[in-house]
Amino acid sequence: MQAKILLIILTAVLFWVFKFYVPYGVYIVLPISLFVTFLHELGHGIFAILTGGEVREVFIHANGSGYAATAGGIRLLILMGGYIGSALFGNLLLYIGICKPKISVITLYVIVGIMLFTAVWWFSSIFTSILLILFSVLLFWMSKKSKASAANWLVILGTASIIYILMDYNAGPSSDLARFTEILPFLPQAAWAIVWLILVAAITWTTLRKAFA
């Protein structure tokens, strides 16, 4: 368990250092940024489906931005689904990596399947599909290592995703927040950003408390 704690701390510190203090470090962590973008757009898509809507396309751009084209569903939940959904996915990966290492390989297979499905069924651009296919190949390679190694990769991906989300609360979901605030204008956008951040922090705290209880 101590090894997992050290891995979480090391991942968080390295991500922070590369993103803010290493020249061109933002390009080193770009794969993580793109992975989190995928989780973000997947969150929009999942919430759309769960609320009776549909997903038409999923875009991921080279600069780390993205867009999910949905139709129908409950708009408020779909808008929240990107930020909150990606936090849930990141925490799920972290939890499985720590507490359920025996299913870590299966989890990687599931992610690969979702990425390939998105690349083909929700096709939006050649870049998006190629990126997701490359991610799938990389994750499939990770799955061929030992269960302990696969679990460590889930811890790394989950931790990096959560750190990215927590740091990005005031910028990344701004467009979603703007549209969310238009629907519920009784709080300003900055206040809703803090509410969303608190939700993600609470989810993460619950995950860590259960994992290390």
N, C-alpha and C. Protein backbone atom coordinates (compact mmCIF):
# COMPACT_ATOMS: atom_id res chain seq x y z
N MET A 1 0.82 -1.21 0.00
CA MET A 1 0.00 0.00 0.00
C MET A 1 0.86 1.26 0.00
N GLN A 2 1.98 1.20 0.72
CA GLN A 2 2.89 2.35 0.73
C GLN A 2 3.42 2.65 -0.66
N ALA A 3 3.65 1.58 -1.44
CA ALA A 3 4.14 1.77 -2.81
C ALA A 3 3.11 2.52 -3.64
N LYS A 4 1.84 2.23 -3.44
CA LYS A 4 0.78 2.92 -4.18
C LYS A 4 0.71 4.39 -3.78
N ILE A 5 0.88 4.68 -2.50
CA ILE A 5 0.87 6.07 -2.04
C ILE A 5 2.03 6.84 -2.66
N LEU A 6 3.21 6.22 -2.67
CA LEU A 6 4.37 6.87 -3.28
C LEU A 6 4.16 7.09 -4.78
N LEU A 7 3.51 6.13 -5.44
CA LEU A 7 3.25 6.25 -6.88
C LEU A 7 2.29 7.40 -7.15
N ILE A 8 1.28 7.55 -6.31
CA ILE A 8 0.33 8.66 -6.46
C ILE A 8 1.05 9.99 -6.29
N ILE A 9 1.85 10.10 -5.24
CA ILE A 9 2.57 11.35 -4.97
C ILE A 9 3.55 11.66 -6.11
N LEU A 10 4.29 10.65 -6.55
CA LEU A 10 5.27 10.85 -7.62
C LEU A 10 4.59 11.29 -8.90
N THR A 11 3.49 10.66 -9.25
CA THR A 11 2.75 11.02 -10.47
C THR A 11 2.26 12.46 -10.40
N ALA A 12 1.68 12.83 -9.24
CA ALA A 12 1.16 14.18 -9.08
C ALA A 12 2.26 15.23 -9.17
N VAL A 13 3.38 14.97 -8.51
CA VAL A 13 4.49 15.93 -8.51
C VAL A 13 5.09 16.07 -9.90
N LEU A 14 5.34 14.95 -10.57
CA LEU A 14 5.94 15.00 -11.91
C LEU A 14 5.02 15.70 -12.90
N PHE A 15 3.73 15.41 -12.82
CA PHE A 15 2.78 16.08 -13.73
C PHE A 15 2.81 17.58 -13.51
N TRP A 16 2.78 17.99 -12.26
CA TRP A 16 2.80 19.42 -11.90
C TRP A 16 4.09 20.09 -12.40
N VAL A 17 5.22 19.44 -12.16
CA VAL A 17 6.52 20.02 -12.54
C VAL A 17 6.63 20.14 -14.05
N PHE A 18 6.29 19.07 -14.77
CA PHE A 18 6.40 19.11 -16.23
C PHE A 18 5.45 20.13 -16.84
N LYS A 19 4.27 20.27 -16.27
CA LYS A 19 3.28 21.17 -16.85
C LYS A 19 3.63 22.64 -16.63
N PHE A 20 4.25 22.97 -15.48
CA PHE A 20 4.44 24.37 -15.14
C PHE A 20 5.90 24.84 -15.06
N TYR A 21 6.83 23.92 -14.89
CA TYR A 21 8.20 24.35 -14.61
C TYR A 21 9.25 23.83 -15.58
N VAL A 22 8.92 22.89 -16.42
CA VAL A 22 9.88 22.35 -17.38
C VAL A 22 9.60 22.95 -18.75
N PRO A 23 10.63 23.55 -19.39
CA PRO A 23 10.42 24.10 -20.74
C PRO A 23 9.87 23.03 -21.69
N TYR A 24 8.81 23.36 -22.36
CA TYR A 24 8.12 22.45 -23.28
C TYR A 24 7.57 21.21 -22.56
N GLY A 25 7.51 21.28 -21.23
CA GLY A 25 6.97 20.15 -20.47
C GLY A 25 5.51 19.90 -20.77
N VAL A 26 4.81 20.95 -21.21
CA VAL A 26 3.39 20.78 -21.52
C VAL A 26 3.21 19.78 -22.66
N TYR A 27 4.22 19.67 -23.53
CA TYR A 27 4.13 18.70 -24.62
C TYR A 27 4.41 17.29 -24.11
N ILE A 28 5.19 17.20 -23.03
CA ILE A 28 5.48 15.88 -22.46
C ILE A 28 4.22 15.29 -21.83
N VAL A 29 3.43 16.16 -21.20
CA VAL A 29 2.19 15.67 -20.55
C VAL A 29 0.99 15.77 -21.50
N LEU A 30 1.22 16.13 -22.76
CA LEU A 30 0.11 16.24 -23.71
C LEU A 30 -0.68 14.95 -23.86
N PRO A 31 -0.02 13.78 -23.88
CA PRO A 31 -0.82 12.55 -23.96
C PRO A 31 -1.82 12.42 -22.82
N ILE A 32 -1.42 12.82 -21.60
CA ILE A 32 -2.34 12.80 -20.48
C ILE A 32 -3.48 13.78 -20.71
N SER A 33 -3.13 14.98 -21.23
CA SER A 33 -4.16 15.98 -21.52
C SER A 33 -5.17 15.44 -22.53
N LEU A 34 -4.67 14.77 -23.56
CA LEU A 34 -5.56 14.21 -24.57
C LEU A 34 -6.41 13.08 -23.99
N PHE A 35 -5.81 12.29 -23.11
CA PHE A 35 -6.55 11.20 -22.46
C PHE A 35 -7.68 11.76 -21.60
N VAL A 36 -7.38 12.83 -20.85
CA VAL A 36 -8.41 13.45 -20.01
C VAL A 36 -9.49 14.08 -20.89
N THR A 37 -9.09 14.66 -22.03
CA THR A 37 -10.08 15.20 -22.97
C THR A 37 -11.03 14.11 -23.43
N PHE A 38 -10.47 12.93 -23.71
CA PHE A 38 -11.32 11.80 -24.09
C PHE A 38 -12.29 11.45 -22.97
N LEU A 39 -11.81 11.39 -21.72
CA LEU A 39 -12.69 11.10 -20.59
C LEU A 39 -13.76 12.17 -20.46
N HIS A 40 -13.37 13.43 -20.68
CA HIS A 40 -14.31 14.54 -20.58
C HIS A 40 -15.43 14.40 -21.60
N GLU A 41 -15.07 14.17 -22.85
CA GLU A 41 -16.09 14.04 -23.90
C GLU A 41 -16.90 12.76 -23.73
N LEU A 42 -16.25 11.71 -23.24
CA LEU A 42 -16.97 10.48 -22.97
C LEU A 42 -18.01 10.72 -21.87
N GLY A 43 -17.64 11.55 -20.88
CA GLY A 43 -18.59 11.89 -19.83
C GLY A 43 -19.83 12.57 -20.39
N HIS A 44 -19.63 13.52 -21.31
CA HIS A 44 -20.78 14.15 -21.97
C HIS A 44 -21.64 13.08 -22.65
N GLY A 45 -20.97 12.18 -23.37
CA GLY A 45 -21.68 11.16 -24.12
C GLY A 45 -22.46 10.21 -23.23
N ILE A 46 -21.83 9.74 -22.15
CA ILE A 46 -22.48 8.80 -21.24
C ILE A 46 -23.70 9.45 -20.58
N PHE A 47 -23.54 10.70 -20.13
CA PHE A 47 -24.66 11.39 -19.49
C PHE A 47 -25.79 11.65 -20.50
N ALA A 48 -25.42 11.88 -21.76
CA ALA A 48 -26.46 12.06 -22.78
C ALA A 48 -27.25 10.77 -22.95
N ILE A 49 -26.56 9.64 -23.04
CA ILE A 49 -27.24 8.35 -23.22
C ILE A 49 -28.09 8.01 -22.01
N LEU A 50 -27.54 8.23 -20.80
CA LEU A 50 -28.26 7.89 -19.57
C LEU A 50 -29.53 8.72 -19.40
N THR A 51 -29.56 9.91 -19.99
CA THR A 51 -30.74 10.78 -19.85
C THR A 51 -31.64 10.74 -21.08
N GLY A 52 -31.45 9.72 -21.92
CA GLY A 52 -32.34 9.53 -23.05
C GLY A 52 -31.91 10.19 -24.34
N GLY A 53 -30.70 10.74 -24.39
CA GLY A 53 -30.20 11.38 -25.60
C GLY A 53 -29.32 10.45 -26.42
N GLU A 54 -28.60 11.00 -27.34
CA GLU A 54 -27.70 10.22 -28.18
C GLU A 54 -26.43 11.01 -28.47
N VAL A 55 -25.39 10.26 -28.83
CA VAL A 55 -24.10 10.86 -29.20
C VAL A 55 -23.94 10.73 -30.71
N ARG A 56 -23.59 11.83 -31.34
CA ARG A 56 -23.42 11.80 -32.79
C ARG A 56 -21.96 11.80 -33.20
N GLU A 57 -21.15 12.61 -32.52
CA GLU A 57 -19.73 12.68 -32.85
C GLU A 57 -18.95 13.04 -31.60
N VAL A 58 -17.69 12.60 -31.56
CA VAL A 58 -16.77 12.98 -30.49
C VAL A 58 -15.49 13.50 -31.13
N PHE A 59 -15.16 14.76 -30.84
CA PHE A 59 -13.97 15.40 -31.40
C PHE A 59 -12.89 15.50 -30.33
N ILE A 60 -11.64 15.22 -30.73
CA ILE A 60 -10.48 15.51 -29.88
C ILE A 60 -9.47 16.21 -30.78
N HIS A 61 -9.02 17.40 -30.36
CA HIS A 61 -8.08 18.17 -31.16
C HIS A 61 -6.67 18.05 -30.62
N ALA A 62 -5.71 18.34 -31.48
CA ALA A 62 -4.30 18.16 -31.12
C ALA A 62 -3.87 19.06 -29.97
N ASN A 63 -4.55 20.17 -29.75
CA ASN A 63 -4.16 21.09 -28.68
C ASN A 63 -4.77 20.69 -27.32
N GLY A 64 -5.48 19.57 -27.28
CA GLY A 64 -6.05 19.10 -26.02
C GLY A 64 -7.50 19.48 -25.81
N SER A 65 -8.07 20.25 -26.72
CA SER A 65 -9.47 20.60 -26.60
C SER A 65 -10.32 19.51 -27.25
N GLY A 66 -11.63 19.57 -27.01
CA GLY A 66 -12.49 18.55 -27.59
C GLY A 66 -13.93 19.00 -27.60
N TYR A 67 -14.78 18.17 -28.19
CA TYR A 67 -16.20 18.50 -28.29
C TYR A 67 -16.99 17.23 -28.54
N ALA A 68 -18.10 17.08 -27.81
CA ALA A 68 -19.00 15.96 -28.04
C ALA A 68 -20.32 16.50 -28.57
N ALA A 69 -20.70 16.05 -29.76
CA ALA A 69 -21.97 16.47 -30.36
C ALA A 69 -23.05 15.51 -29.91
N THR A 70 -24.00 16.01 -29.11
CA THR A 70 -25.08 15.17 -28.60
C THR A 70 -26.43 15.75 -29.01
N ALA A 71 -27.46 14.92 -28.88
CA ALA A 71 -28.81 15.38 -29.17
C ALA A 71 -29.75 14.77 -28.14
N GLY A 72 -30.71 15.56 -27.68
CA GLY A 72 -31.66 15.08 -26.69
C GLY A 72 -31.03 14.99 -25.31
N GLY A 73 -31.72 14.32 -24.42
CA GLY A 73 -31.20 14.15 -23.07
C GLY A 73 -31.45 15.38 -22.21
N ILE A 74 -31.00 15.32 -20.96
CA ILE A 74 -31.15 16.42 -20.02
C ILE A 74 -29.91 17.30 -20.11
N ARG A 75 -30.09 18.50 -20.64
CA ARG A 75 -28.95 19.36 -20.97
C ARG A 75 -28.08 19.68 -19.76
N LEU A 76 -28.69 19.96 -18.63
CA LEU A 76 -27.93 20.30 -17.44
C LEU A 76 -26.96 19.18 -17.06
N LEU A 77 -27.46 17.95 -17.05
CA LEU A 77 -26.62 16.82 -16.67
C LEU A 77 -25.56 16.52 -17.73
N ILE A 78 -25.91 16.72 -18.99
CA ILE A 78 -24.93 16.50 -20.05
C ILE A 78 -23.78 17.50 -19.93
N LEU A 79 -24.11 18.76 -19.64
CA LEU A 79 -23.07 19.77 -19.47
C LEU A 79 -22.17 19.44 -18.28
N MET A 80 -22.75 18.99 -17.18
CA MET A 80 -21.96 18.59 -16.02
C MET A 80 -21.17 17.32 -16.28
N GLY A 81 -21.69 16.49 -17.19
CA GLY A 81 -21.10 15.19 -17.44
C GLY A 81 -19.66 15.22 -17.88
N GLY A 82 -19.25 16.28 -18.58
CA GLY A 82 -17.87 16.35 -19.03
C GLY A 82 -16.89 16.45 -17.87
N TYR A 83 -17.09 17.44 -17.04
CA TYR A 83 -16.17 17.69 -15.92
C TYR A 83 -16.34 16.66 -14.81
N ILE A 84 -17.58 16.46 -14.35
CA ILE A 84 -17.84 15.52 -13.28
C ILE A 84 -17.62 14.08 -13.75
N GLY A 85 -18.04 13.80 -14.98
CA GLY A 85 -17.87 12.46 -15.52
C GLY A 85 -16.41 12.07 -15.64
N SER A 86 -15.57 12.96 -16.15
CA SER A 86 -14.15 12.65 -16.28
C SER A 86 -13.51 12.46 -14.91
N ALA A 87 -14.00 13.20 -13.90
CA ALA A 87 -13.50 13.00 -12.53
C ALA A 87 -13.90 11.63 -12.01
N LEU A 88 -15.13 11.22 -12.29
CA LEU A 88 -15.59 9.89 -11.87
C LEU A 88 -14.77 8.80 -12.53
N PHE A 89 -14.50 8.94 -13.83
CA PHE A 89 -13.71 7.95 -14.54
C PHE A 89 -12.29 7.88 -13.98
N GLY A 90 -11.68 9.05 -13.75
CA GLY A 90 -10.32 9.08 -13.20
C GLY A 90 -10.26 8.43 -11.83
N ASN A 91 -11.25 8.72 -10.99
CA ASN A 91 -11.30 8.12 -9.66
C ASN A 91 -11.54 6.62 -9.73
N LEU A 92 -12.35 6.19 -10.68
CA LEU A 92 -12.60 4.76 -10.86
C LEU A 92 -11.32 4.03 -11.23
N LEU A 93 -10.53 4.61 -12.14
CA LEU A 93 -9.26 3.99 -12.51
C LEU A 93 -8.33 3.92 -11.31
N LEU A 94 -8.29 5.01 -10.55
CA LEU A 94 -7.43 5.04 -9.36
C LEU A 94 -7.86 3.98 -8.35
N TYR A 95 -9.16 3.88 -8.12
CA TYR A 95 -9.68 2.92 -7.14
C TYR A 95 -9.38 1.48 -7.56
N ILE A 96 -9.61 1.18 -8.83
CA ILE A 96 -9.34 -0.18 -9.32
C ILE A 96 -7.85 -0.50 -9.20
N GLY A 97 -7.00 0.46 -9.56
CA GLY A 97 -5.57 0.25 -9.49
C GLY A 97 -5.09 -0.04 -8.08
N ILE A 98 -5.75 0.57 -7.09
CA ILE A 98 -5.34 0.39 -5.70
C ILE A 98 -6.02 -0.82 -5.05
N CYS A 99 -7.34 -0.90 -5.22
CA CYS A 99 -8.12 -1.87 -4.45
C CYS A 99 -8.52 -3.13 -5.22
N LYS A 100 -8.56 -3.06 -6.54
CA LYS A 100 -9.01 -4.20 -7.34
C LYS A 100 -7.99 -4.54 -8.43
N PRO A 101 -6.73 -4.79 -8.04
CA PRO A 101 -5.70 -5.04 -9.06
C PRO A 101 -5.99 -6.27 -9.93
N LYS A 102 -6.79 -7.21 -9.41
CA LYS A 102 -7.07 -8.42 -10.18
C LYS A 102 -7.88 -8.13 -11.44
N ILE A 103 -8.63 -7.03 -11.45
CA ILE A 103 -9.42 -6.71 -12.64
C ILE A 103 -8.80 -5.55 -13.44
N SER A 104 -7.55 -5.21 -13.13
CA SER A 104 -6.89 -4.10 -13.82
C SER A 104 -6.71 -4.39 -15.31
N VAL A 105 -6.37 -5.63 -15.64
CA VAL A 105 -6.19 -5.99 -17.05
C VAL A 105 -7.53 -5.90 -17.79
N ILE A 106 -8.59 -6.43 -17.17
CA ILE A 106 -9.91 -6.35 -17.78
C ILE A 106 -10.33 -4.89 -17.97
N THR A 107 -9.99 -4.05 -16.98
CA THR A 107 -10.32 -2.63 -17.07
C THR A 107 -9.65 -1.99 -18.28
N LEU A 108 -8.39 -2.33 -18.51
CA LEU A 108 -7.68 -1.81 -19.68
C LEU A 108 -8.35 -2.28 -20.97
N TYR A 109 -8.79 -3.54 -20.99
CA TYR A 109 -9.49 -4.05 -22.17
C TYR A 109 -10.78 -3.27 -22.41
N VAL A 110 -11.49 -2.96 -21.35
CA VAL A 110 -12.74 -2.20 -21.47
C VAL A 110 -12.47 -0.82 -22.05
N ILE A 111 -11.41 -0.16 -21.55
CA ILE A 111 -11.05 1.17 -22.07
C ILE A 111 -10.70 1.09 -23.54
N VAL A 112 -9.93 0.07 -23.90
CA VAL A 112 -9.57 -0.13 -25.31
C VAL A 112 -10.83 -0.28 -26.15
N GLY A 113 -11.78 -1.09 -25.67
CA GLY A 113 -13.02 -1.30 -26.41
C GLY A 113 -13.80 -0.01 -26.59
N ILE A 114 -13.88 0.79 -25.52
CA ILE A 114 -14.62 2.06 -25.60
C ILE A 114 -13.95 3.01 -26.58
N MET A 115 -12.62 3.05 -26.55
CA MET A 115 -11.89 3.95 -27.46
C MET A 115 -12.10 3.53 -28.91
N LEU A 116 -12.03 2.23 -29.19
CA LEU A 116 -12.22 1.77 -30.56
C LEU A 116 -13.65 2.01 -31.02
N PHE A 117 -14.61 1.80 -30.12
CA PHE A 117 -16.01 2.09 -30.44
C PHE A 117 -16.18 3.56 -30.79
N THR A 118 -15.58 4.43 -29.96
CA THR A 118 -15.67 5.87 -30.21
C THR A 118 -15.03 6.25 -31.53
N ALA A 119 -13.87 5.65 -31.82
CA ALA A 119 -13.13 5.97 -33.04
C ALA A 119 -13.93 5.62 -34.29
N VAL A 120 -14.75 4.56 -34.20
CA VAL A 120 -15.47 4.08 -35.38
C VAL A 120 -16.93 4.56 -35.39
N TRP A 121 -17.65 4.29 -34.30
CA TRP A 121 -19.09 4.56 -34.29
C TRP A 121 -19.40 6.04 -34.15
N TRP A 122 -18.61 6.73 -33.32
CA TRP A 122 -18.81 8.17 -33.14
C TRP A 122 -17.75 8.95 -33.91
N PHE A 123 -17.43 8.49 -35.10
CA PHE A 123 -16.37 9.09 -35.91
C PHE A 123 -16.64 10.58 -36.16
N SER A 124 -15.58 11.38 -35.99
CA SER A 124 -15.70 12.82 -36.24
C SER A 124 -14.59 13.33 -37.14
N SER A 125 -13.37 12.78 -36.96
CA SER A 125 -12.23 13.24 -37.76
C SER A 125 -11.18 12.15 -37.81
N ILE A 126 -10.34 12.22 -38.82
CA ILE A 126 -9.25 11.26 -38.95
C ILE A 126 -8.32 11.35 -37.75
N PHE A 127 -8.00 12.58 -37.31
CA PHE A 127 -7.09 12.75 -36.18
C PHE A 127 -7.64 12.08 -34.93
N THR A 128 -8.92 12.32 -34.64
CA THR A 128 -9.52 11.73 -33.44
C THR A 128 -9.46 10.21 -33.48
N SER A 129 -9.82 9.63 -34.61
CA SER A 129 -9.82 8.16 -34.72
C SER A 129 -8.41 7.59 -34.62
N ILE A 130 -7.45 8.21 -35.29
CA ILE A 130 -6.08 7.73 -35.22
C ILE A 130 -5.54 7.83 -33.80
N LEU A 131 -5.83 8.95 -33.14
CA LEU A 131 -5.38 9.14 -31.76
C LEU A 131 -5.94 8.05 -30.86
N LEU A 132 -7.23 7.78 -30.96
CA LEU A 132 -7.86 6.78 -30.11
C LEU A 132 -7.34 5.38 -30.41
N ILE A 133 -7.06 5.11 -31.67
CA ILE A 133 -6.48 3.81 -32.04
C ILE A 133 -5.08 3.66 -31.46
N LEU A 134 -4.28 4.74 -31.52
CA LEU A 134 -2.94 4.69 -30.94
C LEU A 134 -3.00 4.50 -29.43
N PHE A 135 -3.93 5.21 -28.77
CA PHE A 135 -4.13 5.02 -27.34
C PHE A 135 -4.52 3.56 -27.04
N SER A 136 -5.37 3.01 -27.88
CA SER A 136 -5.83 1.64 -27.68
C SER A 136 -4.67 0.66 -27.78
N VAL A 137 -3.80 0.88 -28.75
CA VAL A 137 -2.61 0.01 -28.90
C VAL A 137 -1.72 0.12 -27.67
N LEU A 138 -1.53 1.34 -27.18
CA LEU A 138 -0.69 1.55 -26.00
C LEU A 138 -1.30 0.87 -24.77
N LEU A 139 -2.60 1.04 -24.56
CA LEU A 139 -3.24 0.43 -23.41
C LEU A 139 -3.27 -1.09 -23.53
N PHE A 140 -3.42 -1.60 -24.75
CA PHE A 140 -3.38 -3.05 -24.96
C PHE A 140 -2.00 -3.58 -24.61
N TRP A 141 -0.96 -2.83 -24.97
CA TRP A 141 0.41 -3.21 -24.60
C TRP A 141 0.57 -3.23 -23.09
N MET A 142 0.00 -2.23 -22.41
CA MET A 142 0.06 -2.20 -20.95
C MET A 142 -0.62 -3.42 -20.35
N SER A 143 -1.71 -3.86 -20.97
CA SER A 143 -2.47 -4.99 -20.43
C SER A 143 -1.70 -6.29 -20.51
N LYS A 144 -0.69 -6.35 -21.37
CA LYS A 144 0.08 -7.57 -21.55
C LYS A 144 1.18 -7.73 -20.50
N LYS A 145 1.36 -6.72 -19.67
CA LYS A 145 2.30 -6.83 -18.56
C LYS A 145 1.63 -7.59 -17.42
N SER A 146 2.29 -7.67 -16.29
CA SER A 146 1.71 -8.35 -15.14
C SER A 146 0.51 -7.57 -14.61
N LYS A 147 -0.32 -8.23 -13.79
CA LYS A 147 -1.46 -7.56 -13.19
C LYS A 147 -1.01 -6.40 -12.30
N ALA A 148 0.11 -6.60 -11.61
CA ALA A 148 0.63 -5.53 -10.75
C ALA A 148 1.04 -4.32 -11.58
N SER A 149 1.66 -4.57 -12.74
CA SER A 149 2.06 -3.49 -13.62
C SER A 149 0.85 -2.78 -14.20
N ALA A 150 -0.16 -3.56 -14.62
CA ALA A 150 -1.38 -2.96 -15.16
C ALA A 150 -2.08 -2.12 -14.09
N ALA A 151 -2.08 -2.59 -12.85
CA ALA A 151 -2.69 -1.83 -11.76
C ALA A 151 -1.94 -0.52 -11.54
N ASN A 152 -0.62 -0.57 -11.62
CA ASN A 152 0.17 0.66 -11.46
C ASN A 152 -0.13 1.66 -12.57
N TRP A 153 -0.33 1.17 -13.78
CA TRP A 153 -0.66 2.08 -14.88
C TRP A 153 -2.02 2.74 -14.65
N LEU A 154 -2.95 1.98 -14.09
CA LEU A 154 -4.25 2.57 -13.78
C LEU A 154 -4.13 3.65 -12.70
N VAL A 155 -3.28 3.40 -11.71
CA VAL A 155 -3.04 4.40 -10.67
C VAL A 155 -2.45 5.66 -11.28
N ILE A 156 -1.48 5.49 -12.18
CA ILE A 156 -0.84 6.64 -12.83
C ILE A 156 -1.85 7.40 -13.68
N LEU A 157 -2.61 6.70 -14.51
CA LEU A 157 -3.61 7.36 -15.37
C LEU A 157 -4.69 8.03 -14.53
N GLY A 158 -5.16 7.35 -13.51
CA GLY A 158 -6.20 7.91 -12.66
C GLY A 158 -5.72 9.14 -11.91
N THR A 159 -4.52 9.07 -11.33
CA THR A 159 -3.97 10.20 -10.58
C THR A 159 -3.73 11.39 -11.49
N ALA A 160 -3.08 11.16 -12.63
CA ALA A 160 -2.79 12.25 -13.56
C ALA A 160 -4.08 12.89 -14.06
N SER A 161 -5.10 12.07 -14.31
CA SER A 161 -6.38 12.61 -14.78
C SER A 161 -7.01 13.50 -13.72
N ILE A 162 -7.00 13.05 -12.48
CA ILE A 162 -7.61 13.82 -11.39
C ILE A 162 -6.86 15.13 -11.18
N ILE A 163 -5.52 15.07 -11.16
CA ILE A 163 -4.72 16.28 -10.99
C ILE A 163 -5.00 17.27 -12.10
N TYR A 164 -5.06 16.78 -13.33
CA TYR A 164 -5.35 17.65 -14.47
C TYR A 164 -6.71 18.32 -14.30
N ILE A 165 -7.71 17.55 -13.88
CA ILE A 165 -9.06 18.09 -13.71
C ILE A 165 -9.09 19.13 -12.62
N LEU A 166 -8.45 18.84 -11.48
CA LEU A 166 -8.45 19.79 -10.37
C LEU A 166 -7.75 21.09 -10.75
N MET A 167 -6.68 21.01 -11.53
CA MET A 167 -5.96 22.21 -11.94
C MET A 167 -6.73 22.98 -13.01
N ASP A 168 -7.59 22.29 -13.73
CA ASP A 168 -8.24 22.87 -14.90
C ASP A 168 -9.65 23.37 -14.61
N TYR A 169 -10.02 23.43 -13.33
CA TYR A 169 -11.42 23.70 -13.02
C TYR A 169 -11.89 25.07 -13.49
N ASN A 170 -10.98 26.04 -13.55
CA ASN A 170 -11.38 27.40 -13.89
C ASN A 170 -11.22 27.71 -15.37
N ALA A 171 -10.66 26.76 -16.13
CA ALA A 171 -10.41 27.03 -17.54
C ALA A 171 -11.04 25.96 -18.43
N GLY A 172 -10.70 24.69 -18.14
CA GLY A 172 -11.15 23.62 -19.01
C GLY A 172 -12.65 23.57 -19.24
N PRO A 173 -13.45 23.58 -18.17
CA PRO A 173 -14.90 23.48 -18.37
C PRO A 173 -15.60 24.81 -18.55
N SER A 174 -14.86 25.86 -18.89
CA SER A 174 -15.47 27.20 -18.93
C SER A 174 -16.63 27.28 -19.91
N SER A 175 -16.49 26.68 -21.09
CA SER A 175 -17.60 26.75 -22.05
C SER A 175 -18.81 25.98 -21.53
N ASP A 176 -18.59 24.83 -20.92
CA ASP A 176 -19.69 24.08 -20.32
C ASP A 176 -20.31 24.89 -19.18
N LEU A 177 -19.47 25.50 -18.39
CA LEU A 177 -19.96 26.32 -17.27
C LEU A 177 -20.78 27.50 -17.76
N ALA A 178 -20.32 28.11 -18.85
CA ALA A 178 -21.05 29.27 -19.39
C ALA A 178 -22.46 28.86 -19.80
N ARG A 179 -22.59 27.74 -20.49
CA ARG A 179 -23.91 27.27 -20.93
C ARG A 179 -24.73 26.79 -19.73
N PHE A 180 -24.05 26.16 -18.76
CA PHE A 180 -24.72 25.71 -17.55
C PHE A 180 -25.29 26.90 -16.79
N THR A 181 -24.49 27.98 -16.70
CA THR A 181 -24.91 29.18 -15.98
C THR A 181 -26.07 29.87 -16.68
N GLU A 182 -26.13 29.77 -18.01
CA GLU A 182 -27.26 30.35 -18.74
C GLU A 182 -28.57 29.67 -18.35
N ILE A 183 -28.49 28.38 -18.04
CA ILE A 183 -29.70 27.64 -17.67
C ILE A 183 -30.04 27.88 -16.20
N LEU A 184 -29.01 27.96 -15.35
CA LEU A 184 -29.21 28.21 -13.92
C LEU A 184 -28.45 29.48 -13.53
N PRO A 185 -29.00 30.64 -13.84
CA PRO A 185 -28.27 31.90 -13.66
C PRO A 185 -28.32 32.47 -12.24
N PHE A 186 -28.90 31.73 -11.28
CA PHE A 186 -29.01 32.30 -9.94
C PHE A 186 -27.67 32.33 -9.22
N LEU A 187 -26.62 31.67 -9.79
CA LEU A 187 -25.25 31.79 -9.31
C LEU A 187 -24.38 32.22 -10.48
N PRO A 188 -23.36 33.04 -10.25
CA PRO A 188 -22.46 33.43 -11.33
C PRO A 188 -21.59 32.24 -11.76
N GLN A 189 -21.01 32.36 -12.93
CA GLN A 189 -20.21 31.26 -13.47
C GLN A 189 -19.06 30.88 -12.54
N ALA A 190 -18.40 31.87 -11.94
CA ALA A 190 -17.29 31.59 -11.03
C ALA A 190 -17.74 30.76 -9.83
N ALA A 191 -18.95 31.02 -9.36
CA ALA A 191 -19.47 30.27 -8.22
C ALA A 191 -19.76 28.82 -8.62
N TRP A 192 -20.34 28.64 -9.80
CA TRP A 192 -20.59 27.27 -10.28
C TRP A 192 -19.28 26.51 -10.47
N ALA A 193 -18.22 27.22 -10.90
CA ALA A 193 -16.91 26.58 -11.06
C ALA A 193 -16.44 26.02 -9.72
N ILE A 194 -16.64 26.79 -8.67
CA ILE A 194 -16.22 26.35 -7.33
C ILE A 194 -17.08 25.17 -6.88
N VAL A 195 -18.37 25.21 -7.18
CA VAL A 195 -19.26 24.09 -6.82
C VAL A 195 -18.79 22.81 -7.50
N TRP A 196 -18.50 22.90 -8.79
CA TRP A 196 -18.03 21.73 -9.52
C TRP A 196 -16.70 21.24 -8.94
N LEU A 197 -15.80 22.17 -8.62
CA LEU A 197 -14.51 21.79 -8.04
C LEU A 197 -14.71 21.07 -6.71
N ILE A 198 -15.61 21.58 -5.88
CA ILE A 198 -15.88 20.95 -4.59
C ILE A 198 -16.41 19.53 -4.78
N LEU A 199 -17.28 19.35 -5.78
CA LEU A 199 -17.81 18.01 -6.07
C LEU A 199 -16.69 17.05 -6.44
N VAL A 200 -15.79 17.51 -7.31
CA VAL A 200 -14.69 16.65 -7.74
C VAL A 200 -13.76 16.35 -6.56
N ALA A 201 -13.47 17.36 -5.75
CA ALA A 201 -12.62 17.16 -4.57
C ALA A 201 -13.26 16.17 -3.60
N ALA A 202 -14.59 16.26 -3.43
CA ALA A 202 -15.29 15.34 -2.54
C ALA A 202 -15.24 13.91 -3.07
N ILE A 203 -15.43 13.76 -4.39
CA ILE A 203 -15.35 12.44 -5.01
C ILE A 203 -13.96 11.84 -4.80
N THR A 204 -12.94 12.65 -5.03
CA THR A 204 -11.56 12.19 -4.89
C THR A 204 -11.24 11.83 -3.45
N TRP A 205 -11.68 12.66 -2.51
CA TRP A 205 -11.44 12.38 -1.10
C TRP A 205 -12.11 11.08 -0.68
N THR A 206 -13.32 10.84 -1.17
CA THR A 206 -14.03 9.59 -0.86
C THR A 206 -13.28 8.39 -1.42
N THR A 207 -12.79 8.52 -2.63
CA THR A 207 -12.02 7.43 -3.25
C THR A 207 -10.78 7.09 -2.44
N LEU A 208 -10.01 8.12 -2.08
CA LEU A 208 -8.77 7.90 -1.34
C LEU A 208 -9.05 7.36 0.07
N ARG A 209 -10.11 7.84 0.69
CA ARG A 209 -10.44 7.38 2.04
C ARG A 209 -10.81 5.89 2.03
N LYS A 210 -11.60 5.49 1.03
CA LYS A 210 -11.98 4.09 0.93
C LYS A 210 -10.78 3.22 0.55
N ALA A 211 -9.94 3.76 -0.32
CA ALA A 211 -8.80 2.98 -0.81
C ALA A 211 -7.78 2.72 0.29
N PHE A 212 -7.57 3.69 1.15
CA PHE A 212 -6.52 3.57 2.16
C PHE A 212 -7.06 3.40 3.56
N ALA A 213 -8.36 3.08 3.68
CA ALA A 213 -8.95 2.86 5.00
C ALA A 213 -8.29 1.65 5.66
